[in-house]
Structures are given as structure tokens and as C-alpha cells.
N, C-alpha and C. Protein backbone atom coordinates (compact mmCIF):
# COMPACT_ATOMS: atom_id res chain seq x y z
N MET A 1 145.36 142.49 133.49
CA MET A 1 144.77 141.69 132.43
C MET A 1 145.86 141.10 131.54
N LYS A 2 146.88 141.90 131.26
CA LYS A 2 147.98 141.45 130.43
C LYS A 2 148.71 140.29 131.09
N ASN A 3 148.89 140.33 132.41
CA ASN A 3 149.57 139.27 133.14
C ASN A 3 148.75 137.97 133.12
N VAL A 4 147.43 138.09 133.17
CA VAL A 4 146.57 136.91 133.14
C VAL A 4 146.70 136.21 131.79
N LEU A 5 146.70 136.99 130.72
CA LEU A 5 146.86 136.40 129.39
C LEU A 5 148.23 135.76 129.21
N THR A 6 149.24 136.38 129.74
CA THR A 6 150.58 135.82 129.65
C THR A 6 150.66 134.49 130.39
N ILE A 7 150.08 134.43 131.58
CA ILE A 7 150.07 133.19 132.37
C ILE A 7 149.27 132.12 131.64
N PHE A 8 148.14 132.49 131.07
CA PHE A 8 147.31 131.53 130.33
C PHE A 8 148.08 130.92 129.17
N PHE A 9 148.72 131.75 128.37
CA PHE A 9 149.48 131.24 127.22
C PHE A 9 150.68 130.41 127.66
N LEU A 10 151.29 130.77 128.76
CA LEU A 10 152.41 130.01 129.30
C LEU A 10 151.95 128.62 129.74
N LEU A 11 150.83 128.55 130.44
CA LEU A 11 150.28 127.26 130.86
C LEU A 11 149.87 126.42 129.65
N PHE A 12 149.26 127.05 128.65
CA PHE A 12 148.87 126.35 127.44
C PHE A 12 150.09 125.75 126.75
N PHE A 13 151.18 126.49 126.68
CA PHE A 13 152.40 126.03 126.05
C PHE A 13 152.98 124.84 126.81
N ILE A 14 152.98 124.88 128.12
CA ILE A 14 153.51 123.78 128.95
C ILE A 14 152.69 122.51 128.73
N VAL A 15 151.37 122.63 128.74
CA VAL A 15 150.50 121.46 128.53
C VAL A 15 150.71 120.89 127.13
N ALA A 16 150.81 121.73 126.13
CA ALA A 16 151.01 121.27 124.76
C ALA A 16 152.34 120.52 124.62
N CYS A 17 153.37 121.01 125.28
CA CYS A 17 154.68 120.34 125.22
C CYS A 17 154.62 118.97 125.90
N GLN A 18 153.91 118.86 127.02
CA GLN A 18 153.80 117.58 127.72
C GLN A 18 153.05 116.57 126.85
N ASN A 19 151.99 116.97 126.18
CA ASN A 19 151.24 116.06 125.31
C ASN A 19 152.10 115.58 124.15
N LYS A 20 152.90 116.47 123.59
CA LYS A 20 153.77 116.09 122.49
C LYS A 20 154.80 115.07 122.97
N LYS A 21 155.33 115.25 124.17
CA LYS A 21 156.31 114.32 124.73
C LYS A 21 155.67 112.95 124.94
N GLN A 22 154.45 112.90 125.47
CA GLN A 22 153.77 111.63 125.70
C GLN A 22 153.51 110.92 124.39
N ASN A 23 153.12 111.63 123.34
CA ASN A 23 152.86 111.01 122.04
C ASN A 23 154.14 110.42 121.46
N SER A 24 155.27 111.11 121.61
CA SER A 24 156.52 110.59 121.08
C SER A 24 156.97 109.36 121.85
N GLU A 25 156.66 109.28 123.15
CA GLU A 25 157.01 108.11 123.94
C GLU A 25 156.20 106.89 123.48
N LYS A 26 154.96 107.08 123.10
CA LYS A 26 154.12 105.98 122.64
C LYS A 26 154.65 105.38 121.35
N VAL A 27 155.21 106.22 120.49
CA VAL A 27 155.75 105.73 119.22
C VAL A 27 156.96 104.85 119.47
N GLU A 28 157.77 105.17 120.47
CA GLU A 28 158.99 104.43 120.75
C GLU A 28 158.71 103.05 121.34
N GLU A 29 157.57 102.85 121.98
CA GLU A 29 157.25 101.59 122.63
C GLU A 29 156.58 100.65 121.63
N LYS A 30 157.38 99.98 120.81
CA LYS A 30 156.83 99.14 119.76
C LYS A 30 156.39 97.77 120.28
N ASN A 31 157.06 97.24 121.27
CA ASN A 31 156.75 95.91 121.77
C ASN A 31 155.99 95.97 123.08
N VAL A 32 155.14 96.96 123.22
CA VAL A 32 154.36 97.11 124.44
C VAL A 32 152.90 97.32 124.05
N PHE A 33 152.03 96.53 124.67
CA PHE A 33 150.60 96.71 124.49
C PHE A 33 150.07 97.46 125.70
N HIS A 34 149.24 98.46 125.47
CA HIS A 34 148.63 99.21 126.56
C HIS A 34 147.19 98.75 126.73
N SER A 35 146.90 98.22 127.90
CA SER A 35 145.54 97.74 128.17
C SER A 35 144.60 98.94 128.27
N PRO A 36 143.29 98.69 128.19
CA PRO A 36 142.34 99.80 128.32
C PRO A 36 142.47 100.54 129.66
N LEU A 37 143.01 99.87 130.68
CA LEU A 37 143.20 100.53 131.98
C LEU A 37 144.57 101.19 132.10
N GLY A 38 145.36 101.16 131.01
CA GLY A 38 146.64 101.85 131.00
C GLY A 38 147.83 101.01 131.42
N LYS A 39 147.62 99.72 131.69
CA LYS A 39 148.73 98.85 132.09
C LYS A 39 149.57 98.51 130.86
N GLN A 40 150.90 98.56 131.02
CA GLN A 40 151.80 98.25 129.92
C GLN A 40 152.13 96.75 129.97
N LEU A 41 151.88 96.07 128.85
CA LEU A 41 152.13 94.65 128.76
C LEU A 41 153.14 94.40 127.64
N PRO A 42 154.42 94.18 128.00
CA PRO A 42 155.42 93.94 126.95
C PRO A 42 155.30 92.53 126.40
N TYR A 43 155.66 92.36 125.16
CA TYR A 43 155.68 91.04 124.57
C TYR A 43 156.98 90.88 123.78
N PRO A 44 157.50 89.65 123.74
CA PRO A 44 158.79 89.44 123.08
C PRO A 44 158.67 89.44 121.56
N THR A 45 159.80 89.54 120.91
CA THR A 45 159.85 89.44 119.46
C THR A 45 159.48 88.02 119.06
N PRO A 46 158.54 87.85 118.12
CA PRO A 46 158.10 86.50 117.77
C PRO A 46 159.18 85.72 117.01
N SER A 47 159.15 84.40 117.20
CA SER A 47 160.10 83.54 116.50
C SER A 47 159.66 83.34 115.05
N GLU A 48 160.55 82.76 114.26
CA GLU A 48 160.22 82.48 112.87
C GLU A 48 159.07 81.47 112.79
N LYS A 49 159.05 80.53 113.71
CA LYS A 49 157.98 79.52 113.74
C LYS A 49 156.63 80.18 113.99
N MET A 50 156.59 81.11 114.95
CA MET A 50 155.35 81.81 115.24
C MET A 50 154.87 82.63 114.04
N LEU A 51 155.80 83.27 113.36
CA LEU A 51 155.45 84.07 112.18
C LEU A 51 154.93 83.17 111.06
N ALA A 52 155.55 82.00 110.89
CA ALA A 52 155.09 81.06 109.87
C ALA A 52 153.69 80.54 110.20
N GLN A 53 153.45 80.25 111.48
CA GLN A 53 152.12 79.79 111.90
C GLN A 53 151.07 80.88 111.70
N PHE A 54 151.44 82.12 111.98
CA PHE A 54 150.53 83.25 111.75
C PHE A 54 150.19 83.37 110.27
N ASP A 55 151.23 83.31 109.42
CA ASP A 55 151.00 83.43 107.98
C ASP A 55 150.10 82.31 107.48
N ALA A 56 150.30 81.09 107.97
CA ALA A 56 149.46 79.96 107.56
C ALA A 56 148.01 80.16 108.01
N ALA A 57 147.82 80.61 109.24
CA ALA A 57 146.47 80.85 109.75
C ALA A 57 145.78 81.98 108.99
N LYS A 58 146.53 83.01 108.68
CA LYS A 58 145.96 84.14 107.93
C LYS A 58 145.56 83.70 106.53
N GLN A 59 146.42 82.91 105.89
CA GLN A 59 146.13 82.43 104.54
C GLN A 59 144.91 81.51 104.56
N ALA A 60 144.82 80.63 105.56
CA ALA A 60 143.67 79.72 105.67
C ALA A 60 142.39 80.52 105.89
N TYR A 61 142.48 81.57 106.70
CA TYR A 61 141.32 82.43 106.93
C TYR A 61 140.90 83.14 105.64
N GLU A 62 141.87 83.67 104.90
CA GLU A 62 141.56 84.39 103.67
C GLU A 62 140.93 83.47 102.62
N ASN A 63 141.28 82.18 102.67
CA ASN A 63 140.69 81.22 101.73
C ASN A 63 139.26 80.86 102.11
N GLU A 64 138.95 80.89 103.41
CA GLU A 64 137.61 80.53 103.90
C GLU A 64 137.18 81.53 104.98
N THR A 65 136.76 82.70 104.58
CA THR A 65 136.42 83.75 105.54
C THR A 65 135.13 83.46 106.30
N ASP A 66 134.34 82.49 105.83
CA ASP A 66 133.10 82.15 106.53
C ASP A 66 133.23 80.87 107.36
N ASN A 67 134.43 80.44 107.63
CA ASN A 67 134.67 79.26 108.45
C ASN A 67 135.02 79.71 109.86
N PRO A 68 134.20 79.39 110.87
CA PRO A 68 134.47 79.87 112.22
C PRO A 68 135.81 79.41 112.78
N GLU A 69 136.23 78.19 112.47
CA GLU A 69 137.51 77.70 112.97
C GLU A 69 138.68 78.50 112.41
N LYS A 70 138.58 78.90 111.16
CA LYS A 70 139.64 79.71 110.52
C LYS A 70 139.72 81.09 111.16
N ILE A 71 138.56 81.65 111.49
CA ILE A 71 138.53 82.95 112.16
C ILE A 71 139.17 82.84 113.54
N ILE A 72 138.82 81.79 114.27
CA ILE A 72 139.36 81.61 115.63
C ILE A 72 140.88 81.46 115.59
N TRP A 73 141.39 80.62 114.68
CA TRP A 73 142.84 80.43 114.63
C TRP A 73 143.57 81.67 114.12
N HIS A 74 142.95 82.39 113.23
CA HIS A 74 143.57 83.65 112.78
C HIS A 74 143.66 84.62 113.97
N GLY A 75 142.59 84.70 114.76
CA GLY A 75 142.61 85.56 115.95
C GLY A 75 143.63 85.10 116.97
N ARG A 76 143.71 83.80 117.19
CA ARG A 76 144.69 83.28 118.16
C ARG A 76 146.12 83.60 117.74
N ARG A 77 146.43 83.27 116.49
CA ARG A 77 147.80 83.51 116.01
C ARG A 77 148.14 84.99 116.02
N THR A 78 147.16 85.83 115.79
CA THR A 78 147.38 87.28 115.85
C THR A 78 147.68 87.70 117.29
N ALA A 79 146.92 87.17 118.24
CA ALA A 79 147.13 87.50 119.65
C ALA A 79 148.48 86.97 120.14
N TYR A 80 148.88 85.79 119.66
CA TYR A 80 150.18 85.23 120.07
C TYR A 80 151.33 86.15 119.70
N LEU A 81 151.14 86.96 118.66
CA LEU A 81 152.18 87.91 118.25
C LEU A 81 152.12 89.21 119.05
N GLY A 82 151.13 89.32 119.94
CA GLY A 82 151.00 90.52 120.75
C GLY A 82 150.12 91.58 120.12
N LYS A 83 149.48 91.27 119.04
CA LYS A 83 148.60 92.23 118.36
C LYS A 83 147.18 92.05 118.91
N TYR A 84 147.00 92.42 120.15
CA TYR A 84 145.76 92.13 120.86
C TYR A 84 144.57 92.91 120.30
N THR A 85 144.77 94.15 119.98
CA THR A 85 143.67 94.95 119.43
C THR A 85 143.21 94.38 118.09
N GLU A 86 144.14 93.97 117.27
CA GLU A 86 143.80 93.37 115.98
C GLU A 86 143.07 92.04 116.19
N ALA A 87 143.51 91.25 117.17
CA ALA A 87 142.86 89.98 117.47
C ALA A 87 141.42 90.21 117.95
N ILE A 88 141.22 91.22 118.75
CA ILE A 88 139.87 91.55 119.22
C ILE A 88 138.98 91.90 118.03
N ASN A 89 139.53 92.63 117.07
CA ASN A 89 138.75 92.97 115.87
C ASN A 89 138.39 91.72 115.07
N ILE A 90 139.30 90.77 114.99
CA ILE A 90 139.03 89.52 114.27
C ILE A 90 137.92 88.75 114.97
N TYR A 91 138.01 88.64 116.30
CA TYR A 91 136.97 87.94 117.05
C TYR A 91 135.64 88.68 116.96
N SER A 92 135.68 89.99 116.93
CA SER A 92 134.44 90.77 116.78
C SER A 92 133.78 90.47 115.44
N GLU A 93 134.60 90.31 114.42
CA GLU A 93 134.07 89.93 113.11
C GLU A 93 133.40 88.55 113.19
N GLY A 94 134.04 87.63 113.93
CA GLY A 94 133.46 86.31 114.11
C GLY A 94 132.12 86.38 114.84
N ILE A 95 132.02 87.24 115.83
CA ILE A 95 130.76 87.41 116.56
C ILE A 95 129.68 87.96 115.63
N ASP A 96 130.06 88.90 114.77
CA ASP A 96 129.09 89.46 113.82
C ASP A 96 128.60 88.41 112.83
N LYS A 97 129.52 87.56 112.36
CA LYS A 97 129.15 86.54 111.38
C LYS A 97 128.40 85.37 112.01
N PHE A 98 128.79 85.01 113.24
CA PHE A 98 128.23 83.83 113.90
C PHE A 98 127.78 84.18 115.32
N PRO A 99 126.71 84.96 115.45
CA PRO A 99 126.28 85.42 116.78
C PRO A 99 125.84 84.30 117.72
N ASP A 100 125.46 83.15 117.17
CA ASP A 100 125.01 82.04 118.02
C ASP A 100 126.10 81.04 118.35
N ASN A 101 127.32 81.26 117.84
CA ASN A 101 128.42 80.35 118.10
C ASN A 101 129.06 80.69 119.44
N PRO A 102 128.99 79.79 120.42
CA PRO A 102 129.53 80.10 121.75
C PRO A 102 131.05 80.21 121.81
N LYS A 103 131.73 79.76 120.78
CA LYS A 103 133.20 79.85 120.77
C LYS A 103 133.69 81.30 120.69
N PHE A 104 132.85 82.16 120.16
CA PHE A 104 133.25 83.56 120.06
C PHE A 104 132.86 84.30 121.31
């Protein structure tokens, strides 16, 4: 019985260490998007022009949050930066606000 408990705790320790290693690897991958199926999709560092366009789209959206075109461009510019999950959330907001708009 003592050997079974020792083996159990040893296996538990090994699994816990592997999970900790996987979590630390995810933190290091800053420019990689993980798809829902686990595929790694790297994206490059955005240019100053792309960042300026994102800021302009975000500001335009914040000024008119009920304008579907502003929501779409805010989502696009967000996705262009590789922030796909955030872009999906923006488009989901557009769907909630405008359920009959086919653009969403």
C-alpha cells in the first residue's frame, strides 16, 4: 500500500511539472496565435502605419459605438495586428447590436 501511494504521488508530481512547463512556454510565445484546433499562427510585429491605423479606427469606434462601419473597421484593424480573439469579440458585439446586418 505504501508503494502504491508513493507511485501515485510521484506520477502526480511529474504531471504537475509538465503542466507548469507548458504554461511557461505559452507566456514566452507573444507573437503567436493559437487557433481553437491548436495550430500555431505567428504574426509579425506591426509597423508604425498599422498601429496608427488601428488607433484611428479605435478612436472612431469609441466616438460612434453604434455605427456598424466603425465596429467593422475596429475589428479589422484589431485582426490585422494579430489580435484575433479580441477581433472576434468586437465582431460579436456587432452581431449583438445589429443582428440583422449581414456584414457581421
